[in-house]
Amino acid sequence: MSQQDGFASGLLLGTLIGGVVGGVLGAVISSRLDAKLTDEENESLTAGDNNSQKSAKRRQMRASANENLEIEATRRSLEDKIAQLNATIDDVRKQLGNVNSNSSVSNE
């Protein structure tokens, strides 16, 4: 019994420590990324170049178009996989139906 009690308390302690360490690490990383993004935005605003802002918007538009294409390709891939799974399920049902019908005939 003492081993089970030790396991439960160790699991609880490990979960607690892991949650705290993960939370602190996530907060530090996100604050650094946030500061980096803020610095980049300030640099682009102080530059005052309309051309750089236009090119940034163009890059965003291209990125969103690429994302849409990737999403569409992923959706089609998933639809194909679902169709394959449905076909496999139908085949297994037929095989099981044949097995069940054969076993009922042999029992009679």
C-alpha atoms as a PDB file:
ATOM      1  CA  MET A   1       0.000   0.000   0.000  1.00  0.00           C
ATOM      2  CA  SER A   2       2.799   2.421   0.737  1.00  0.00           C
ATOM      3  CA  GLN A   3       4.033   2.200  -2.849  1.00  0.00           C
ATOM      4  CA  GLN A   4       0.612   3.172  -4.180  1.00  0.00           C
ATOM      5  CA  ASP A   5       0.411   6.117  -1.802  1.00  0.00           C
ATOM      6  CA  GLY A   6       3.885   7.216  -2.865  1.00  0.00           C
ATOM      7  CA  PHE A   7       2.934   6.952  -6.516  1.00  0.00           C
ATOM      8  CA  ALA A   8      -0.199   9.053  -6.130  1.00  0.00           C
ATOM      9  CA  SER A   9       1.567  11.780  -4.162  1.00  0.00           C
ATOM     10  CA  GLY A  10       4.495  11.772  -6.607  1.00  0.00           C
ATOM     11  CA  LEU A  11       2.132  12.038  -9.548  1.00  0.00           C
ATOM     12  CA  LEU A  12       0.289  14.930  -7.950  1.00  0.00           C
ATOM     13  CA  LEU A  13       3.514  16.715  -7.056  1.00  0.00           C
ATOM     14  CA  GLY A  14       4.941  16.175 -10.556  1.00  0.00           C
ATOM     15  CA  THR A  15       1.776  17.512 -12.144  1.00  0.00           C
ATOM     16  CA  LEU A  16       1.838  20.583  -9.948  1.00  0.00           C
ATOM     17  CA  ILE A  17       5.517  21.334 -10.569  1.00  0.00           C
ATOM     18  CA  GLY A  18       5.168  20.665 -14.308  1.00  0.00           C
ATOM     19  CA  GLY A  19       2.209  23.035 -14.528  1.00  0.00           C
ATOM     20  CA  VAL A  20       4.069  25.805 -12.731  1.00  0.00           C
ATOM     21  CA  VAL A  21       7.244  25.388 -14.810  1.00  0.00           C
ATOM     22  CA  GLY A  22       5.252  25.226 -18.057  1.00  0.00           C
ATOM     23  CA  GLY A  23       3.235  28.327 -17.148  1.00  0.00           C
ATOM     24  CA  VAL A  24       6.320  30.357 -16.283  1.00  0.00           C
ATOM     25  CA  LEU A  25       8.144  29.215 -19.406  1.00  0.00           C
ATOM     26  CA  GLY A  26       5.138  30.032 -21.612  1.00  0.00           C
ATOM     27  CA  ALA A  27       4.798  33.494 -20.066  1.00  0.00           C
ATOM     28  CA  VAL A  28       8.482  34.283 -20.600  1.00  0.00           C
ATOM     29  CA  ILE A  29       8.500  33.098 -24.211  1.00  0.00           C
ATOM     30  CA  SER A  30       5.283  34.916 -25.110  1.00  0.00           C
ATOM     31  CA  SER A  31       6.491  38.168 -23.548  1.00  0.00           C
ATOM     32  CA  ARG A  32       9.720  37.974 -25.550  1.00  0.00           C
ATOM     33  CA  LEU A  33       7.842  37.313 -28.788  1.00  0.00           C
ATOM     34  CA  ASP A  34       5.416  40.100 -27.974  1.00  0.00           C
ATOM     35  CA  ALA A  35       8.296  42.533 -27.379  1.00  0.00           C
ATOM     36  CA  LYS A  36       9.941  41.482 -30.645  1.00  0.00           C
ATOM     37  CA  LEU A  37       6.730  42.026 -32.611  1.00  0.00           C
ATOM     38  CA  THR A  38       6.181  45.398 -30.963  1.00  0.00           C
ATOM     39  CA  ASP A  39       9.705  46.484 -31.906  1.00  0.00           C
ATOM     40  CA  GLU A  40       9.158  45.442 -35.516  1.00  0.00           C
ATOM     41  CA  GLU A  41       5.853  47.332 -35.669  1.00  0.00           C
ATOM     42  CA  ASN A  42       7.469  50.458 -34.230  1.00  0.00           C
ATOM     43  CA  GLU A  43      10.258  50.292 -36.796  1.00  0.00           C
ATOM     44  CA  SER A  44       7.793  50.016 -39.660  1.00  0.00           C
ATOM     45  CA  LEU A  45       5.708  52.910 -38.306  1.00  0.00           C
ATOM     46  CA  THR A  46       8.679  55.211 -37.781  1.00  0.00           C
ATOM     47  CA  ALA A  47       9.975  54.505 -41.276  1.00  0.00           C
ATOM     48  CA  GLY A  48       6.932  56.292 -42.669  1.00  0.00           C
ATOM     49  CA  ASP A  49       7.341  54.602 -46.016  1.00  0.00           C
ATOM     50  CA  ASN A  50       4.042  53.940 -47.728  1.00  0.00           C
ATOM     51  CA  ASN A  51       5.786  51.530 -50.078  1.00  0.00           C
ATOM     52  CA  SER A  52       6.868  49.314 -47.196  1.00  0.00           C
ATOM     53  CA  GLN A  53       3.335  49.316 -45.816  1.00  0.00           C
ATOM     54  CA  LYS A  54       1.924  48.420 -49.221  1.00  0.00           C
ATOM     55  CA  SER A  55       4.429  45.615 -49.655  1.00  0.00           C
ATOM     56  CA  ALA A  56       3.596  44.331 -46.178  1.00  0.00           C
ATOM     57  CA  LYS A  57      -0.103  44.272 -47.089  1.00  0.00           C
ATOM     58  CA  ARG A  58       0.722  42.460 -50.320  1.00  0.00           C
ATOM     59  CA  ARG A  59       2.718  39.887 -48.373  1.00  0.00           C
ATOM     60  CA  GLN A  60      -0.233  39.392 -46.046  1.00  0.00           C
ATOM     61  CA  MET A  61      -2.593  38.947 -48.978  1.00  0.00           C
ATOM     62  CA  ARG A  62      -0.252  36.393 -50.567  1.00  0.00           C
ATOM     63  CA  ALA A  63       0.092  34.577 -47.271  1.00  0.00           C
ATOM     64  CA  SER A  64      -3.667  34.419 -46.805  1.00  0.00           C
ATOM     65  CA  ALA A  65      -4.096  33.145 -50.379  1.00  0.00           C
ATOM     66  CA  ASN A  66      -1.458  30.472 -49.729  1.00  0.00           C
ATOM     67  CA  GLU A  67      -3.150  29.553 -46.464  1.00  0.00           C
ATOM     68  CA  ASN A  68      -6.473  29.204 -48.273  1.00  0.00           C
ATOM     69  CA  LEU A  69      -4.857  26.884 -50.817  1.00  0.00           C
ATOM     70  CA  GLU A  70      -3.257  24.834 -48.057  1.00  0.00           C
ATOM     71  CA  ILE A  71      -6.545  24.605 -46.185  1.00  0.00           C
ATOM     72  CA  GLU A  72      -8.337  23.485 -49.345  1.00  0.00           C
ATOM     73  CA  ALA A  73      -5.673  20.858 -50.068  1.00  0.00           C
ATOM     74  CA  THR A  74      -5.883  19.599 -46.501  1.00  0.00           C
ATOM     75  CA  ARG A  75      -9.673  19.451 -46.680  1.00  0.00           C
ATOM     76  CA  ARG A  76      -9.550  17.427 -49.899  1.00  0.00           C
ATOM     77  CA  SER A  77      -6.963  15.087 -48.435  1.00  0.00           C
ATOM     78  CA  LEU A  78      -9.130  14.507 -45.386  1.00  0.00           C
ATOM     79  CA  GLU A  79     -12.185  13.884 -47.553  1.00  0.00           C
ATOM     80  CA  ASP A  80     -10.215  11.260 -49.513  1.00  0.00           C
ATOM     81  CA  LYS A  81      -9.119   9.566 -46.299  1.00  0.00           C
ATOM     82  CA  ILE A  82     -12.688   9.562 -44.995  1.00  0.00           C
ATOM     83  CA  ALA A  83     -13.874   7.979 -48.237  1.00  0.00           C
ATOM     84  CA  GLN A  84     -11.185   5.284 -47.925  1.00  0.00           C
ATOM     85  CA  LEU A  85     -12.210   4.603 -44.329  1.00  0.00           C
ATOM     86  CA  ASN A  86     -15.870   4.343 -45.312  1.00  0.00           C
ATOM     87  CA  ALA A  87     -14.999   1.872 -48.078  1.00  0.00           C
ATOM     88  CA  THR A  88     -12.928  -0.201 -45.668  1.00  0.00           C
ATOM     89  CA  ILE A  89     -15.745  -0.180 -43.107  1.00  0.00           C
ATOM     90  CA  ASP A  90     -18.191  -1.371 -45.779  1.00  0.00           C
ATOM     91  CA  ASP A  91     -15.817  -4.199 -46.768  1.00  0.00           C
ATOM     92  CA  VAL A  92     -15.446  -5.305 -43.152  1.00  0.00           C
ATOM     93  CA  ARG A  93     -19.221  -5.236 -42.674  1.00  0.00           C
ATOM     94  CA  LYS A  94     -19.653  -7.439 -45.742  1.00  0.00           C
ATOM     95  CA  GLN A  95     -17.003  -9.859 -44.485  1.00  0.00           C
ATOM     96  CA  LEU A  96     -18.566  -9.991 -41.035  1.00  0.00           C
ATOM     97  CA  GLY A  97     -21.992 -10.437 -42.579  1.00  0.00           C
ATOM     98  CA  ASN A  98     -20.665 -13.404 -44.571  1.00  0.00           C
ATOM     99  CA  VAL A  99     -19.064 -14.879 -41.457  1.00  0.00           C
ATOM    100  CA  ASN A 100     -22.219 -14.414 -39.404  1.00  0.00           C
ATOM    101  CA  SER A 101     -24.465 -15.883 -42.100  1.00  0.00           C
ATOM    102  CA  ASN A 102     -22.134 -18.878 -42.540  1.00  0.00           C
ATOM    103  CA  SER A 103     -22.012 -19.565 -38.803  1.00  0.00           C
ATOM    104  CA  SER A 104     -25.789 -19.459 -38.479  1.00  0.00           C
ATOM    105  CA  VAL A 105     -26.177 -21.887 -41.397  1.00  0.00           C
ATOM    106  CA  SER A 106     -23.615 -24.305 -39.940  1.00  0.00           C
ATOM    107  CA  ASN A 107     -25.333 -24.199 -36.512  1.00  0.00           C
ATOM    108  CA  GLU A 108     -28.649 -25.265 -38.004  1.00  0.00           C
END
